[in-house]
Amino acid sequence: SQEVEISQLRLVRQVANAENQYLLSHATAARAFGRDDGSDMTLTGQVRVQQSPQNGPELQLQGSYVRVYQQGDRLRGENGVRIRRGNLNLTGQTLDWDASTGILTMQQGVSATILP
């Protein structure tokens, strides 16, 4: 694969899981760079990622630096990130999200708010 650099990134992706349920993802960032096959991309500047599963609450991620691995199945954020899913809001300095296991790890200054 080749290296690419993109200004004002806007990305839409739709994939089906093993149960044929669809996950729609949107990502925006001021700048993105990495491999052209999408296996390893770094998004910087006003990064926003939204994942909308067919069944379940939407996941929203905001930050200034997010690295996307494995065609979007793995996300790592640094320098302050915010996650919102349903009535749960999380903030922290670092984030590691593995979509294949459903495990989210946040570190450094983590706070959580659960809305009614």
Protein backbone atom coordinates (compact mmCIF):
# COMPACT_ATOMS: atom_id res chain seq x y z
CA SER A 1 0.00 0.00 0.00
CA GLN A 2 1.01 3.64 -0.42
CA GLU A 3 1.04 6.57 1.98
CA VAL A 4 -1.68 9.21 1.58
CA GLU A 5 -2.43 12.58 3.14
CA ILE A 6 -5.91 14.11 3.10
CA SER A 7 -7.06 17.59 4.14
CA GLN A 8 -10.61 18.06 5.45
CA LEU A 9 -11.37 14.33 5.67
CA ARG A 10 -14.98 13.14 5.37
CA LEU A 11 -15.39 9.38 5.40
CA VAL A 12 -18.46 7.11 5.35
CA ARG A 13 -18.23 3.35 5.79
CA GLN A 14 -20.86 0.61 6.09
CA VAL A 15 -20.09 -2.98 7.11
CA ALA A 16 -22.19 -6.00 8.06
CA ASN A 17 -21.40 -8.25 11.01
CA ALA A 18 -21.87 -12.04 11.22
CA GLU A 19 -25.58 -11.59 11.98
CA ASN A 20 -26.04 -9.33 8.90
CA GLN A 21 -26.58 -6.27 11.07
CA TYR A 22 -25.08 -3.11 9.60
CA LEU A 23 -22.75 -0.63 11.25
CA LEU A 24 -22.59 2.79 9.62
CA SER A 25 -19.53 4.91 10.45
CA HIS A 26 -18.84 8.58 9.72
CA ALA A 27 -15.50 10.26 10.39
CA THR A 28 -14.35 13.85 9.91
CA ALA A 29 -11.01 15.49 10.66
CA ALA A 30 -8.98 18.51 9.59
CA ARG A 31 -6.20 16.19 8.38
CA ALA A 32 -5.59 12.47 7.88
CA PHE A 33 -2.52 10.53 6.82
CA GLY A 34 -1.54 6.87 6.59
CA ARG A 35 -1.96 3.85 4.34
CA ASP A 36 -4.27 4.11 1.34
CA ASP A 37 -5.89 0.73 2.13
CA GLY A 38 -7.26 2.14 5.41
CA SER A 39 -5.39 -0.36 7.58
CA ASP A 40 -3.58 2.39 9.55
CA MET A 41 -4.74 6.03 9.42
CA THR A 42 -4.06 8.94 11.76
CA LEU A 43 -6.72 11.65 12.06
CA THR A 44 -5.84 15.04 13.56
CA GLY A 45 -7.65 18.30 14.24
CA GLN A 46 -11.29 18.34 15.35
CA VAL A 47 -11.71 14.59 14.92
CA ARG A 48 -15.27 13.26 15.09
CA VAL A 49 -16.22 9.63 14.64
CA GLN A 50 -19.80 8.37 14.76
CA GLN A 51 -20.76 4.71 14.61
CA SER A 52 -24.44 3.86 14.22
CA PRO A 53 -25.28 0.19 14.72
CA GLN A 54 -28.52 -1.11 13.25
CA ASN A 55 -29.63 -2.11 16.78
CA GLY A 56 -28.36 -0.13 19.75
CA PRO A 57 -27.24 3.36 20.67
CA GLU A 58 -24.93 5.45 18.49
CA LEU A 59 -21.29 5.84 19.53
CA GLN A 60 -19.76 9.33 19.20
CA LEU A 61 -16.05 10.05 19.67
CA GLN A 62 -14.43 13.49 19.69
CA GLY A 63 -10.78 14.38 20.04
CA SER A 64 -7.79 16.08 18.48
CA TYR A 65 -5.78 12.93 17.62
CA VAL A 66 -7.19 9.50 16.74
CA ARG A 67 -5.34 6.62 15.13
CA VAL A 68 -7.49 4.09 13.24
CA TYR A 69 -6.22 0.51 12.81
CA GLN A 70 -7.56 -2.65 11.19
CA GLN A 71 -9.98 -0.89 8.81
CA GLY A 72 -11.68 0.92 11.69
CA ASP A 73 -12.06 -1.99 14.09
CA ARG A 74 -9.46 -0.48 16.44
CA LEU A 75 -9.23 3.17 17.55
CA ARG A 76 -6.63 4.90 19.73
CA GLY A 77 -7.06 8.48 20.89
CA GLU A 78 -4.62 10.78 22.67
CA ASN A 79 -4.50 14.36 23.97
CA GLY A 80 -8.04 14.32 25.36
CA VAL A 81 -10.98 12.33 24.04
CA ARG A 82 -14.69 12.27 24.67
CA ILE A 83 -17.03 9.33 24.08
CA ARG A 84 -20.81 9.35 24.16
CA ARG A 85 -23.02 6.29 23.77
CA GLY A 86 -26.63 6.45 24.74
CA ASN A 87 -26.84 8.06 28.17
CA LEU A 88 -23.15 7.46 29.00
CA ASN A 89 -20.53 10.21 28.58
CA LEU A 90 -16.81 9.47 29.15
CA THR A 91 -13.80 11.77 28.98
CA GLY A 92 -10.11 11.01 29.42
CA GLN A 93 -6.67 11.72 28.04
CA THR A 94 -6.25 8.40 26.18
CA LEU A 95 -8.58 5.87 24.64
CA ASP A 96 -8.24 2.39 23.17
CA TRP A 97 -11.33 0.87 21.50
CA ASP A 98 -11.41 -2.67 20.08
CA ALA A 99 -14.65 -3.21 18.16
CA SER A 100 -14.03 -6.96 17.79
CA THR A 101 -14.09 -7.50 21.57
CA GLY A 102 -16.22 -4.49 22.54
CA ILE A 103 -13.58 -3.44 25.09
CA LEU A 104 -13.00 0.29 25.67
CA THR A 105 -10.03 1.36 27.81
CA MET A 106 -9.62 4.99 28.90
CA GLN A 107 -6.81 6.37 31.04
CA GLN A 108 -5.59 9.53 32.75
CA GLY A 109 -8.17 11.90 34.16
CA VAL A 110 -11.14 9.70 33.29
CA SER A 111 -14.58 10.90 34.25
CA ALA A 112 -17.96 9.36 33.53
CA THR A 113 -21.45 10.83 33.53
CA ILE A 114 -24.61 8.77 33.21
CA LEU A 115 -27.60 10.83 32.16
CA PRO A 116 -31.12 9.83 33.23
